[in-house]
Amino acid sequence: MITTADQNDRWASYARPGSWNDPDMLEVGNGGMTTEVYRSHFSIWALAKAPLPIGCDLGSMDKVTFELLSNKELIAADQDKLGIQGKKVKNDGDLEVLYLCTL
């Protein structure tokens, strides 16, 4: 996930309404990751202005997954009218900081 986000970061300046960078399918709720990793995954995709198609089985989605995927603040950040993708502004070992301005 981090590698994909890093690759997508290179294309941030090209993101705009009608031209979205797509880092790949959301894996939130598919198993194998912790809630914190799923939260980070969804947040990174939203900051990247990526399409947010749900990739898990809706029929077996648990409450935590539903809450993560229906986070109104992140969806609003993903779908703001400016269409400016978040950009990595700091990389210090395991710490990465992305910045998104939605004036």
PDB file of N, CA and C in Angstrom:
ATOM      1  N   MET A   1       0.821  -1.187   0.000  1.00  0.00           N
ATOM      2  CA  MET A   1       0.000   0.000   0.000  1.00  0.00           C
ATOM      3  C   MET A   1       0.865   1.250   0.000  1.00  0.00           C
ATOM      4  N   ILE A   2       1.893   1.291   0.819  1.00  0.00           N
ATOM      5  CA  ILE A   2       2.761   2.467   0.897  1.00  0.00           C
ATOM      6  C   ILE A   2       3.511   2.643  -0.419  1.00  0.00           C
ATOM      7  N   THR A   3       3.978   1.551  -0.996  1.00  0.00           N
ATOM      8  CA  THR A   3       4.674   1.636  -2.280  1.00  0.00           C
ATOM      9  C   THR A   3       3.755   2.211  -3.346  1.00  0.00           C
ATOM     10  N   THR A   4       2.515   1.751  -3.385  1.00  0.00           N
ATOM     11  CA  THR A   4       1.542   2.268  -4.351  1.00  0.00           C
ATOM     12  C   THR A   4       1.286   3.748  -4.115  1.00  0.00           C
ATOM     13  N   ALA A   5       1.121   4.141  -2.865  1.00  0.00           N
ATOM     14  CA  ALA A   5       0.902   5.554  -2.538  1.00  0.00           C
ATOM     15  C   ALA A   5       2.108   6.397  -2.942  1.00  0.00           C
ATOM     16  N   ASP A   6       3.316   5.889  -2.713  1.00  0.00           N
ATOM     17  CA  ASP A   6       4.526   6.619  -3.101  1.00  0.00           C
ATOM     18  C   ASP A   6       4.601   6.784  -4.614  1.00  0.00           C
ATOM     19  N   GLN A   7       4.260   5.737  -5.354  1.00  0.00           N
ATOM     20  CA  GLN A   7       4.257   5.823  -6.816  1.00  0.00           C
ATOM     21  C   GLN A   7       3.220   6.834  -7.288  1.00  0.00           C
ATOM     22  N   ASN A   8       2.057   6.832  -6.676  1.00  0.00           N
ATOM     23  CA  ASN A   8       0.983   7.749  -7.045  1.00  0.00           C
ATOM     24  C   ASN A   8       1.362   9.196  -6.739  1.00  0.00           C
ATOM     25  N   ASP A   9       2.154   9.410  -5.703  1.00  0.00           N
ATOM     26  CA  ASP A   9       2.563  10.757  -5.303  1.00  0.00           C
ATOM     27  C   ASP A   9       3.310  11.473  -6.435  1.00  0.00           C
ATOM     28  N   ARG A  10       4.032  10.727  -7.250  1.00  0.00           N
ATOM     29  CA  ARG A  10       4.771  11.326  -8.370  1.00  0.00           C
ATOM     30  C   ARG A  10       3.849  12.022  -9.362  1.00  0.00           C
ATOM     31  N   TRP A  11       2.598  11.607  -9.411  1.00  0.00           N
ATOM     32  CA  TRP A  11       1.651  12.123 -10.406  1.00  0.00           C
ATOM     33  C   TRP A  11       0.682  13.148  -9.812  1.00  0.00           C
ATOM     34  N   ALA A  12       0.927  13.592  -8.596  1.00  0.00           N
ATOM     35  CA  ALA A  12      -0.007  14.492  -7.904  1.00  0.00           C
ATOM     36  C   ALA A  12      -0.298  15.761  -8.687  1.00  0.00           C
ATOM     37  N   SER A  13       0.673  16.313  -9.357  1.00  0.00           N
ATOM     38  CA  SER A  13       0.465  17.582 -10.068  1.00  0.00           C
ATOM     39  C   SER A  13      -0.480  17.435 -11.257  1.00  0.00           C
ATOM     40  N   TYR A  14      -0.749  16.208 -11.688  1.00  0.00           N
ATOM     41  CA  TYR A  14      -1.647  15.976 -12.819  1.00  0.00           C
ATOM     42  C   TYR A  14      -3.100  15.792 -12.398  1.00  0.00           C
ATOM     43  N   ALA A  15      -3.344  15.608 -11.114  1.00  0.00           N
ATOM     44  CA  ALA A  15      -4.706  15.384 -10.628  1.00  0.00           C
ATOM     45  C   ALA A  15      -5.506  16.677 -10.694  1.00  0.00           C
ATOM     46  N   ARG A  16      -6.709  16.583 -11.225  1.00  0.00           N
ATOM     47  CA  ARG A  16      -7.625  17.727 -11.324  1.00  0.00           C
ATOM     48  C   ARG A  16      -8.998  17.177 -11.697  1.00  0.00           C
ATOM     49  N   PRO A  17     -10.022  17.978 -11.596  1.00  0.00           N
ATOM     50  CA  PRO A  17     -11.348  17.494 -11.986  1.00  0.00           C
ATOM     51  C   PRO A  17     -11.333  16.916 -13.400  1.00  0.00           C
ATOM     52  N   GLY A  18     -11.800  15.693 -13.505  1.00  0.00           N
ATOM     53  CA  GLY A  18     -11.829  14.988 -14.783  1.00  0.00           C
ATOM     54  C   GLY A  18     -10.563  14.220 -15.094  1.00  0.00           C
ATOM     55  N   SER A  19      -9.555  14.299 -14.245  1.00  0.00           N
ATOM     56  CA  SER A  19      -8.275  13.626 -14.473  1.00  0.00           C
ATOM     57  C   SER A  19      -7.726  13.157 -13.128  1.00  0.00           C
ATOM     58  N   TRP A  20      -8.128  11.962 -12.716  1.00  0.00           N
ATOM     59  CA  TRP A  20      -7.785  11.472 -11.388  1.00  0.00           C
ATOM     60  C   TRP A  20      -6.715  10.393 -11.470  1.00  0.00           C
ATOM     61  N   ASN A  21      -5.792  10.435 -10.536  1.00  0.00           N
ATOM     62  CA  ASN A  21      -4.815   9.363 -10.394  1.00  0.00           C
ATOM     63  C   ASN A  21      -5.474   8.223  -9.629  1.00  0.00           C
ATOM     64  N   ASP A  22      -5.260   7.017 -10.088  1.00  0.00           N
ATOM     65  CA  ASP A  22      -5.933   5.857  -9.515  1.00  0.00           C
ATOM     66  C   ASP A  22      -4.897   4.864  -9.000  1.00  0.00           C
ATOM     67  N   PRO A  23      -4.641   4.852  -7.684  1.00  0.00           N
ATOM     68  CA  PRO A  23      -3.610   3.968  -7.145  1.00  0.00           C
ATOM     69  C   PRO A  23      -3.997   2.489  -7.123  1.00  0.00           C
ATOM     70  N   ASP A  24      -5.247   2.144  -7.300  1.00  0.00           N
ATOM     71  CA  ASP A  24      -5.703   0.752  -7.386  1.00  0.00           C
ATOM     72  C   ASP A  24      -6.905   0.564  -6.474  1.00  0.00           C
ATOM     73  N   MET A  25      -7.405  -0.639  -6.395  1.00  0.00           N
ATOM     74  CA  MET A  25      -8.616  -0.970  -5.657  1.00  0.00           C
ATOM     75  C   MET A  25      -8.416  -0.818  -4.152  1.00  0.00           C
ATOM     76  N   LEU A  26      -9.436  -0.346  -3.480  1.00  0.00           N
ATOM     77  CA  LEU A  26      -9.431  -0.334  -2.013  1.00  0.00           C
ATOM     78  C   LEU A  26      -9.510  -1.763  -1.500  1.00  0.00           C
ATOM     79  N   GLU A  27      -8.693  -2.084  -0.538  1.00  0.00           N
ATOM     80  CA  GLU A  27      -8.688  -3.424   0.057  1.00  0.00           C
ATOM     81  C   GLU A  27      -9.303  -3.428   1.457  1.00  0.00           C
ATOM     82  N   VAL A  28      -9.886  -2.313   1.854  1.00  0.00           N
ATOM     83  CA  VAL A  28     -10.493  -2.204   3.183  1.00  0.00           C
ATOM     84  C   VAL A  28     -11.588  -3.259   3.328  1.00  0.00           C
ATOM     85  N   GLY A  29     -11.467  -4.068   4.378  1.00  0.00           N
ATOM     86  CA  GLY A  29     -12.470  -5.081   4.670  1.00  0.00           C
ATOM     87  C   GLY A  29     -12.222  -6.433   4.045  1.00  0.00           C
ATOM     88  N   ASN A  30     -11.140  -6.593   3.297  1.00  0.00           N
ATOM     89  CA  ASN A  30     -10.864  -7.880   2.647  1.00  0.00           C
ATOM     90  C   ASN A  30     -10.075  -8.849   3.514  1.00  0.00           C
ATOM     91  N   GLY A  31      -9.716  -8.452   4.711  1.00  0.00           N
ATOM     92  CA  GLY A  31      -8.969  -9.333   5.608  1.00  0.00           C
ATOM     93  C   GLY A  31      -7.472  -9.171   5.445  1.00  0.00           C
ATOM     94  N   GLY A  32      -6.765  -9.516   6.506  1.00  0.00           N
ATOM     95  CA  GLY A  32      -5.317  -9.497   6.460  1.00  0.00           C
ATOM     96  C   GLY A  32      -4.660  -8.225   6.946  1.00  0.00           C
ATOM     97  N   MET A  33      -5.454  -7.197   7.277  1.00  0.00           N
ATOM     98  CA  MET A  33      -4.882  -5.951   7.777  1.00  0.00           C
ATOM     99  C   MET A  33      -5.600  -5.555   9.065  1.00  0.00           C
ATOM    100  N   THR A  34      -4.928  -4.781   9.864  1.00  0.00           N
ATOM    101  CA  THR A  34      -5.542  -4.294  11.099  1.00  0.00           C
ATOM    102  C   THR A  34      -6.473  -3.127  10.777  1.00  0.00           C
ATOM    103  N   THR A  35      -7.310  -2.772  11.725  1.00  0.00           N
ATOM    104  CA  THR A  35      -8.195  -1.623  11.558  1.00  0.00           C
ATOM    105  C   THR A  35      -7.392  -0.365  11.299  1.00  0.00           C
ATOM    106  N   GLU A  36      -6.261  -0.198  11.986  1.00  0.00           N
ATOM    107  CA  GLU A  36      -5.432   0.987  11.798  1.00  0.00           C
ATOM    108  C   GLU A  36      -4.870   1.054  10.383  1.00  0.00           C
ATOM    109  N   VAL A  37      -4.471  -0.087   9.848  1.00  0.00           N
ATOM    110  CA  VAL A  37      -3.941  -0.117   8.482  1.00  0.00           C
ATOM    111  C   VAL A  37      -5.067   0.172   7.490  1.00  0.00           C
ATOM    112  N   TYR A  38      -6.240  -0.390   7.716  1.00  0.00           N
ATOM    113  CA  TYR A  38      -7.387  -0.074   6.850  1.00  0.00           C
ATOM    114  C   TYR A  38      -7.711   1.418   6.896  1.00  0.00           C
ATOM    115  N   ARG A  39      -7.666   2.009   8.070  1.00  0.00           N
ATOM    116  CA  ARG A  39      -7.935   3.446   8.218  1.00  0.00           C
ATOM    117  C   ARG A  39      -6.896   4.253   7.434  1.00  0.00           C
ATOM    118  N   SER A  40      -5.637   3.871   7.543  1.00  0.00           N
ATOM    119  CA  SER A  40      -4.580   4.548   6.796  1.00  0.00           C
ATOM    120  C   SER A  40      -4.776   4.368   5.295  1.00  0.00           C
ATOM    121  N   HIS A  41      -5.109   3.170   4.894  1.00  0.00           N
ATOM    122  CA  HIS A  41      -5.329   2.852   3.479  1.00  0.00           C
ATOM    123  C   HIS A  41      -6.424   3.754   2.892  1.00  0.00           C
ATOM    124  N   PHE A  42      -7.564   3.816   3.553  1.00  0.00           N
ATOM    125  CA  PHE A  42      -8.671   4.636   3.063  1.00  0.00           C
ATOM    126  C   PHE A  42      -8.292   6.116   3.066  1.00  0.00           C
ATOM    127  N   SER A  43      -7.592   6.550   4.089  1.00  0.00           N
ATOM    128  CA  SER A  43      -7.170   7.954   4.182  1.00  0.00           C
ATOM    129  C   SER A  43      -6.209   8.324   3.065  1.00  0.00           C
ATOM    130  N   ILE A  44      -5.243   7.485   2.797  1.00  0.00           N
ATOM    131  CA  ILE A  44      -4.268   7.753   1.740  1.00  0.00           C
ATOM    132  C   ILE A  44      -4.965   7.816   0.383  1.00  0.00           C
ATOM    133  N   TRP A  45      -5.885   6.903   0.132  1.00  0.00           N
ATOM    134  CA  TRP A  45      -6.607   6.899  -1.151  1.00  0.00           C
ATOM    135  C   TRP A  45      -7.466   8.165  -1.285  1.00  0.00           C
ATOM    136  N   ALA A  46      -8.084   8.584  -0.179  1.00  0.00           N
ATOM    137  CA  ALA A  46      -8.905   9.802  -0.219  1.00  0.00           C
ATOM    138  C   ALA A  46      -8.029  11.027  -0.481  1.00  0.00           C
ATOM    139  N   LEU A  47      -6.883  11.114   0.157  1.00  0.00           N
ATOM    140  CA  LEU A  47      -5.979  12.243  -0.058  1.00  0.00           C
ATOM    141  C   LEU A  47      -5.424  12.260  -1.483  1.00  0.00           C
ATOM    142  N   ALA A  48      -5.362  11.079  -2.092  1.00  0.00           N
ATOM    143  CA  ALA A  48      -4.882  10.976  -3.474  1.00  0.00           C
ATOM    144  C   ALA A  48      -5.975  11.309  -4.482  1.00  0.00           C
ATOM    145  N   LYS A  49      -7.176  11.633  -3.995  1.00  0.00           N
ATOM    146  CA  LYS A  49      -8.316  11.931  -4.872  1.00  0.00           C
ATOM    147  C   LYS A  49      -8.656  10.738  -5.758  1.00  0.00           C
ATOM    148  N   ALA A  50      -8.344   9.549  -5.246  1.00  0.00           N
ATOM    149  CA  ALA A  50      -8.579   8.326  -6.006  1.00  0.00           C
ATOM    150  C   ALA A  50     -10.065   7.989  -6.037  1.00  0.00           C
ATOM    151  N   PRO A  51     -10.485   7.281  -7.082  1.00  0.00           N
ATOM    152  CA  PRO A  51     -11.824   6.696  -7.025  1.00  0.00           C
ATOM    153  C   PRO A  51     -11.880   5.779  -5.801  1.00  0.00           C
ATOM    154  N   LEU A  52     -13.016   5.711  -5.157  1.00  0.00           N
ATOM    155  CA  LEU A  52     -13.131   4.920  -3.923  1.00  0.00           C
ATOM    156  C   LEU A  52     -14.122   3.754  -4.078  1.00  0.00           C
ATOM    157  N   PRO A  53     -13.907   2.877  -5.061  1.00  0.00           N
ATOM    158  CA  PRO A  53     -14.809   1.727  -5.186  1.00  0.00           C
ATOM    159  C   PRO A  53     -14.552   0.731  -4.053  1.00  0.00           C
ATOM    160  N   ILE A  54     -15.608   0.310  -3.419  1.00  0.00           N
ATOM    161  CA  ILE A  54     -15.480  -0.650  -2.318  1.00  0.00           C
ATOM    162  C   ILE A  54     -15.107  -2.004  -2.906  1.00  0.00           C
ATOM    163  N   GLY A  55     -14.029  -2.587  -2.383  1.00  0.00           N
ATOM    164  CA  GLY A  55     -13.518  -3.835  -2.925  1.00  0.00           C
ATOM    165  C   GLY A  55     -13.825  -5.052  -2.079  1.00  0.00           C
ATOM    166  N   CYS A  56     -14.571  -4.881  -0.998  1.00  0.00           N
ATOM    167  CA  CYS A  56     -14.886  -6.031  -0.141  1.00  0.00           C
ATOM    168  C   CYS A  56     -16.323  -6.487  -0.386  1.00  0.00           C
ATOM    169  N   ASP A  57     -16.653  -7.626   0.159  1.00  0.00           N
ATOM    170  CA  ASP A  57     -17.997  -8.193   0.042  1.00  0.00           C
ATOM    171  C   ASP A  57     -18.957  -7.401   0.922  1.00  0.00           C
ATOM    172  N   LEU A  58     -19.877  -6.677   0.292  1.00  0.00           N
ATOM    173  CA  LEU A  58     -20.822  -5.852   1.042  1.00  0.00           C
ATOM    174  C   LEU A  58     -21.721  -6.683   1.950  1.00  0.00           C
ATOM    175  N   GLY A  59     -22.004  -7.902   1.553  1.00  0.00           N
ATOM    176  CA  GLY A  59     -22.885  -8.766   2.337  1.00  0.00           C
ATOM    177  C   GLY A  59     -22.280  -9.240   3.642  1.00  0.00           C
ATOM    178  N   SER A  60     -20.951  -9.230   3.735  1.00  0.00           N
ATOM    179  CA  SER A  60     -20.312  -9.699   4.968  1.00  0.00           C
ATOM    180  C   SER A  60     -19.505  -8.588   5.651  1.00  0.00           C
ATOM    181  N   MET A  61     -19.722  -7.348   5.250  1.00  0.00           N
ATOM    182  CA  MET A  61     -18.989  -6.221   5.821  1.00  0.00           C
ATOM    183  C   MET A  61     -19.377  -6.037   7.289  1.00  0.00           C
ATOM    184  N   ASP A  62     -18.372  -5.905   8.158  1.00  0.00           N
ATOM    185  CA  ASP A  62     -18.669  -5.671   9.570  1.00  0.00           C
ATOM    186  C   ASP A  62     -18.864  -4.174   9.825  1.00  0.00           C
ATOM    187  N   LYS A  63     -19.274  -3.848  11.041  1.00  0.00           N
ATOM    188  CA  LYS A  63     -19.583  -2.460  11.410  1.00  0.00           C
ATOM    189  C   LYS A  63     -18.360  -1.559  11.304  1.00  0.00           C
ATOM    190  N   VAL A  64     -17.205  -2.036  11.731  1.00  0.00           N
ATOM    191  CA  VAL A  64     -15.976  -1.230  11.686  1.00  0.00           C
ATOM    192  C   VAL A  64     -15.636  -0.880  10.238  1.00  0.00           C
ATOM    193  N   THR A  65     -15.724  -1.859   9.347  1.00  0.00           N
ATOM    194  CA  THR A  65     -15.445  -1.618   7.932  1.00  0.00           C
ATOM    195  C   THR A  65     -16.432  -0.610   7.360  1.00  0.00           C
ATOM    196  N   PHE A  66     -17.709  -0.771   7.682  1.00  0.00           N
ATOM    197  CA  PHE A  66     -18.724   0.172   7.210  1.00  0.00           C
ATOM    198  C   PHE A  66     -18.408   1.592   7.682  1.00  0.00           C
ATOM    199  N   GLU A  67     -18.041   1.721   8.951  1.00  0.00           N
ATOM    200  CA  GLU A  67     -17.720   3.048   9.493  1.00  0.00           C
ATOM    201  C   GLU A  67     -16.502   3.660   8.806  1.00  0.00           C
ATOM    202  N   LEU A  68     -15.486   2.846   8.530  1.00  0.00           N
ATOM    203  CA  LEU A  68     -14.303   3.350   7.831  1.00  0.00           C
ATOM    204  C   LEU A  68     -14.658   3.826   6.422  1.00  0.00           C
ATOM    205  N   LEU A  69     -15.433   3.028   5.702  1.00  0.00           N
ATOM    206  CA  LEU A  69     -15.758   3.335   4.314  1.00  0.00           C
ATOM    207  C   LEU A  69     -16.810   4.427   4.159  1.00  0.00           C
ATOM    208  N   SER A  70     -17.462   4.785   5.241  1.00  0.00           N
ATOM    209  CA  SER A  70     -18.483   5.838   5.160  1.00  0.00           C
ATOM    210  C   SER A  70     -18.060   7.102   5.923  1.00  0.00           C
ATOM    211  N   ASN A  71     -16.761   7.279   6.115  1.00  0.00           N
ATOM    212  CA  ASN A  71     -16.230   8.450   6.803  1.00  0.00           C
ATOM    213  C   ASN A  71     -16.484   9.693   5.960  1.00  0.00           C
ATOM    214  N   LYS A  72     -17.435  10.504   6.381  1.00  0.00           N
ATOM    215  CA  LYS A  72     -17.869  11.660   5.594  1.00  0.00           C
ATOM    216  C   LYS A  72     -16.758  12.678   5.372  1.00  0.00           C
ATOM    217  N   GLU A  73     -15.895  12.877   6.357  1.00  0.00           N
ATOM    218  CA  GLU A  73     -14.814  13.842   6.214  1.00  0.00           C
ATOM    219  C   GLU A  73     -13.816  13.402   5.142  1.00  0.00           C
ATOM    220  N   LEU A  74     -13.463  12.120   5.136  1.00  0.00           N
ATOM    221  CA  LEU A  74     -12.522  11.635   4.131  1.00  0.00           C
ATOM    222  C   LEU A  74     -13.146  11.624   2.743  1.00  0.00           C
ATOM    223  N   ILE A  75     -14.399  11.243   2.656  1.00  0.00           N
ATOM    224  CA  ILE A  75     -15.082  11.262   1.360  1.00  0.00           C
ATOM    225  C   ILE A  75     -15.161  12.694   0.837  1.00  0.00           C
ATOM    226  N   ALA A  76     -15.446  13.654   1.719  1.00  0.00           N
ATOM    227  CA  ALA A  76     -15.489  15.064   1.310  1.00  0.00           C
ATOM    228  C   ALA A  76     -14.114  15.538   0.827  1.00  0.00           C
ATOM    229  N   ALA A  77     -13.057  15.133   1.518  1.00  0.00           N
ATOM    230  CA  ALA A  77     -11.710  15.505   1.085  1.00  0.00           C
ATOM    231  C   ALA A  77     -11.400  14.899  -0.281  1.00  0.00           C
ATOM    232  N   ASP A  78     -11.812  13.669  -0.491  1.00  0.00           N
ATOM    233  CA  ASP A  78     -11.593  12.989  -1.768  1.00  0.00           C
ATOM    234  C   ASP A  78     -12.349  13.680  -2.897  1.00  0.00           C
ATOM    235  N   GLN A  79     -13.532  14.188  -2.604  1.00  0.00           N
ATOM    236  CA  GLN A  79     -14.416  14.694  -3.650  1.00  0.00           C
ATOM    237  C   GLN A  79     -14.565  16.216  -3.656  1.00  0.00           C
ATOM    238  N   ASP A  80     -13.628  16.946  -3.057  1.00  0.00           N
ATOM    239  CA  ASP A  80     -13.756  18.400  -3.055  1.00  0.00           C
ATOM    240  C   ASP A  80     -13.653  18.949  -4.484  1.00  0.00           C
ATOM    241  N   LYS A  81     -14.212  20.112  -4.703  1.00  0.00           N
ATOM    242  CA  LYS A  81     -14.317  20.680  -6.053  1.00  0.00           C
ATOM    243  C   LYS A  81     -12.977  21.065  -6.671  1.00  0.00           C
ATOM    244  N   LEU A  82     -11.989  21.397  -5.857  1.00  0.00           N
ATOM    245  CA  LEU A  82     -10.692  21.787  -6.409  1.00  0.00           C
ATOM    246  C   LEU A  82      -9.982  20.616  -7.091  1.00  0.00           C
ATOM    247  N   GLY A  83     -10.163  19.427  -6.541  1.00  0.00           N
ATOM    248  CA  GLY A  83      -9.551  18.247  -7.135  1.00  0.00           C
ATOM    249  C   GLY A  83      -8.049  18.181  -6.989  1.00  0.00           C
ATOM    250  N   ILE A  84      -7.505  18.901  -6.023  1.00  0.00           N
ATOM    251  CA  ILE A  84      -6.057  18.895  -5.817  1.00  0.00           C
ATOM    252  C   ILE A  84      -5.677  17.697  -4.951  1.00  0.00           C
ATOM    253  N   GLN A  85      -4.784  16.892  -5.450  1.00  0.00           N
ATOM    254  CA  GLN A  85      -4.342  15.699  -4.729  1.00  0.00           C
ATOM    255  C   GLN A  85      -3.420  16.079  -3.583  1.00  0.00           C
ATOM    256  N   GLY A  86      -3.534  15.373  -2.461  1.00  0.00           N
ATOM    257  CA  GLY A  86      -2.595  15.556  -1.364  1.00  0.00           C
ATOM    258  C   GLY A  86      -1.191  15.209  -1.822  1.00  0.00           C
ATOM    259  N   LYS A  87      -0.231  15.857  -1.262  1.00  0.00           N
ATOM    260  CA  LYS A  87       1.161  15.683  -1.658  1.00  0.00           C
ATOM    261  C   LYS A  87       2.007  15.358  -0.441  1.00  0.00           C
ATOM    262  N   LYS A  88       2.937  14.427  -0.609  1.00  0.00           N
ATOM    263  CA  LYS A  88       3.844  14.096   0.482  1.00  0.00           C
ATOM    264  C   LYS A  88       4.770  15.281   0.729  1.00  0.00           C
ATOM    265  N   VAL A  89       4.802  15.739   1.979  1.00  0.00           N
ATOM    266  CA  VAL A  89       5.644  16.880   2.324  1.00  0.00           C
ATOM    267  C   VAL A  89       6.767  16.504   3.285  1.00  0.00           C
ATOM    268  N   LYS A  90       6.709  15.293   3.831  1.00  0.00           N
ATOM    269  CA  LYS A  90       7.764  14.859   4.735  1.00  0.00           C
ATOM    270  C   LYS A  90       7.875  13.347   4.682  1.00  0.00           C
ATOM    271  N   ASN A  91       9.095  12.874   4.658  1.00  0.00           N
ATOM    272  CA  ASN A  91       9.375  11.441   4.694  1.00  0.00           C
ATOM    273  C   ASN A  91      10.571  11.253   5.615  1.00  0.00           C
ATOM    274  N   ASP A  92      10.328  10.660   6.789  1.00  0.00           N
ATOM    275  CA  ASP A  92      11.379  10.483   7.780  1.00  0.00           C
ATOM    276  C   ASP A  92      11.286   9.057   8.316  1.00  0.00           C
ATOM    277  N   GLY A  93      11.933   8.127   7.635  1.00  0.00           N
ATOM    278  CA  GLY A  93      11.869   6.729   8.043  1.00  0.00           C
ATOM    279  C   GLY A  93      10.469   6.183   7.839  1.00  0.00           C
ATOM    280  N   ASP A  94       9.843   5.730   8.915  1.00  0.00           N
ATOM    281  CA  ASP A  94       8.487   5.189   8.846  1.00  0.00           C
ATOM    282  C   ASP A  94       7.408   6.263   8.897  1.00  0.00           C
ATOM    283  N   LEU A  95       7.794   7.512   9.065  1.00  0.00           N
ATOM    284  CA  LEU A  95       6.841   8.611   9.147  1.00  0.00           C
ATOM    285  C   LEU A  95       6.733   9.306   7.796  1.00  0.00           C
ATOM    286  N   GLU A  96       5.518   9.382   7.289  1.00  0.00           N
ATOM    287  CA  GLU A  96       5.253  10.135   6.076  1.00  0.00           C
ATOM    288  C   GLU A  96       4.114  11.094   6.365  1.00  0.00           C
ATOM    289  N   VAL A  97       4.246  12.322   5.913  1.00  0.00           N
ATOM    290  CA  VAL A  97       3.208  13.335   6.130  1.00  0.00           C
ATOM    291  C   VAL A  97       2.713  13.783   4.769  1.00  0.00           C
ATOM    292  N   LEU A  98       1.400  13.709   4.573  1.00  0.00           N
ATOM    293  CA  LEU A  98       0.778  14.202   3.353  1.00  0.00           C
ATOM    294  C   LEU A  98      -0.007  15.464   3.695  1.00  0.00           C
ATOM    295  N   TYR A  99      -0.001  16.401   2.777  1.00  0.00           N
ATOM    296  CA  TYR A  99      -0.702  17.667   2.982  1.00  0.00           C
ATOM    297  C   TYR A  99      -1.754  17.836   1.896  1.00  0.00           C
ATOM    298  N   LEU A 100      -2.948  18.249   2.315  1.00  0.00           N
ATOM    299  CA  LEU A 100      -4.028  18.491   1.372  1.00  0.00           C
ATOM    300  C   LEU A 100      -4.676  19.814   1.734  1.00  0.00           C
ATOM    301  N   CYS A 101      -4.727  20.706   0.777  1.00  0.00           N
ATOM    302  CA  CYS A 101      -5.376  22.010   0.976  1.00  0.00           C
ATOM    303  C   CYS A 101      -6.705  21.985   0.240  1.00  0.00           C
ATOM    304  N   THR A 102      -7.796  22.243   0.957  1.00  0.00           N
ATOM    305  CA  THR A 102      -9.126  22.254   0.334  1.00  0.00           C
ATOM    306  C   THR A 102      -9.826  23.561   0.631  1.00  0.00           C
ATOM    307  N   LEU A 103      -9.209  24.654   0.296  1.00  0.00           N
ATOM    308  CA  LEU A 103      -9.801  25.978   0.548  1.00  0.00           C
ATOM    309  C   LEU A 103     -11.084  26.161  -0.207  1.00  0.00           C
TER     310      LEU A 103
END
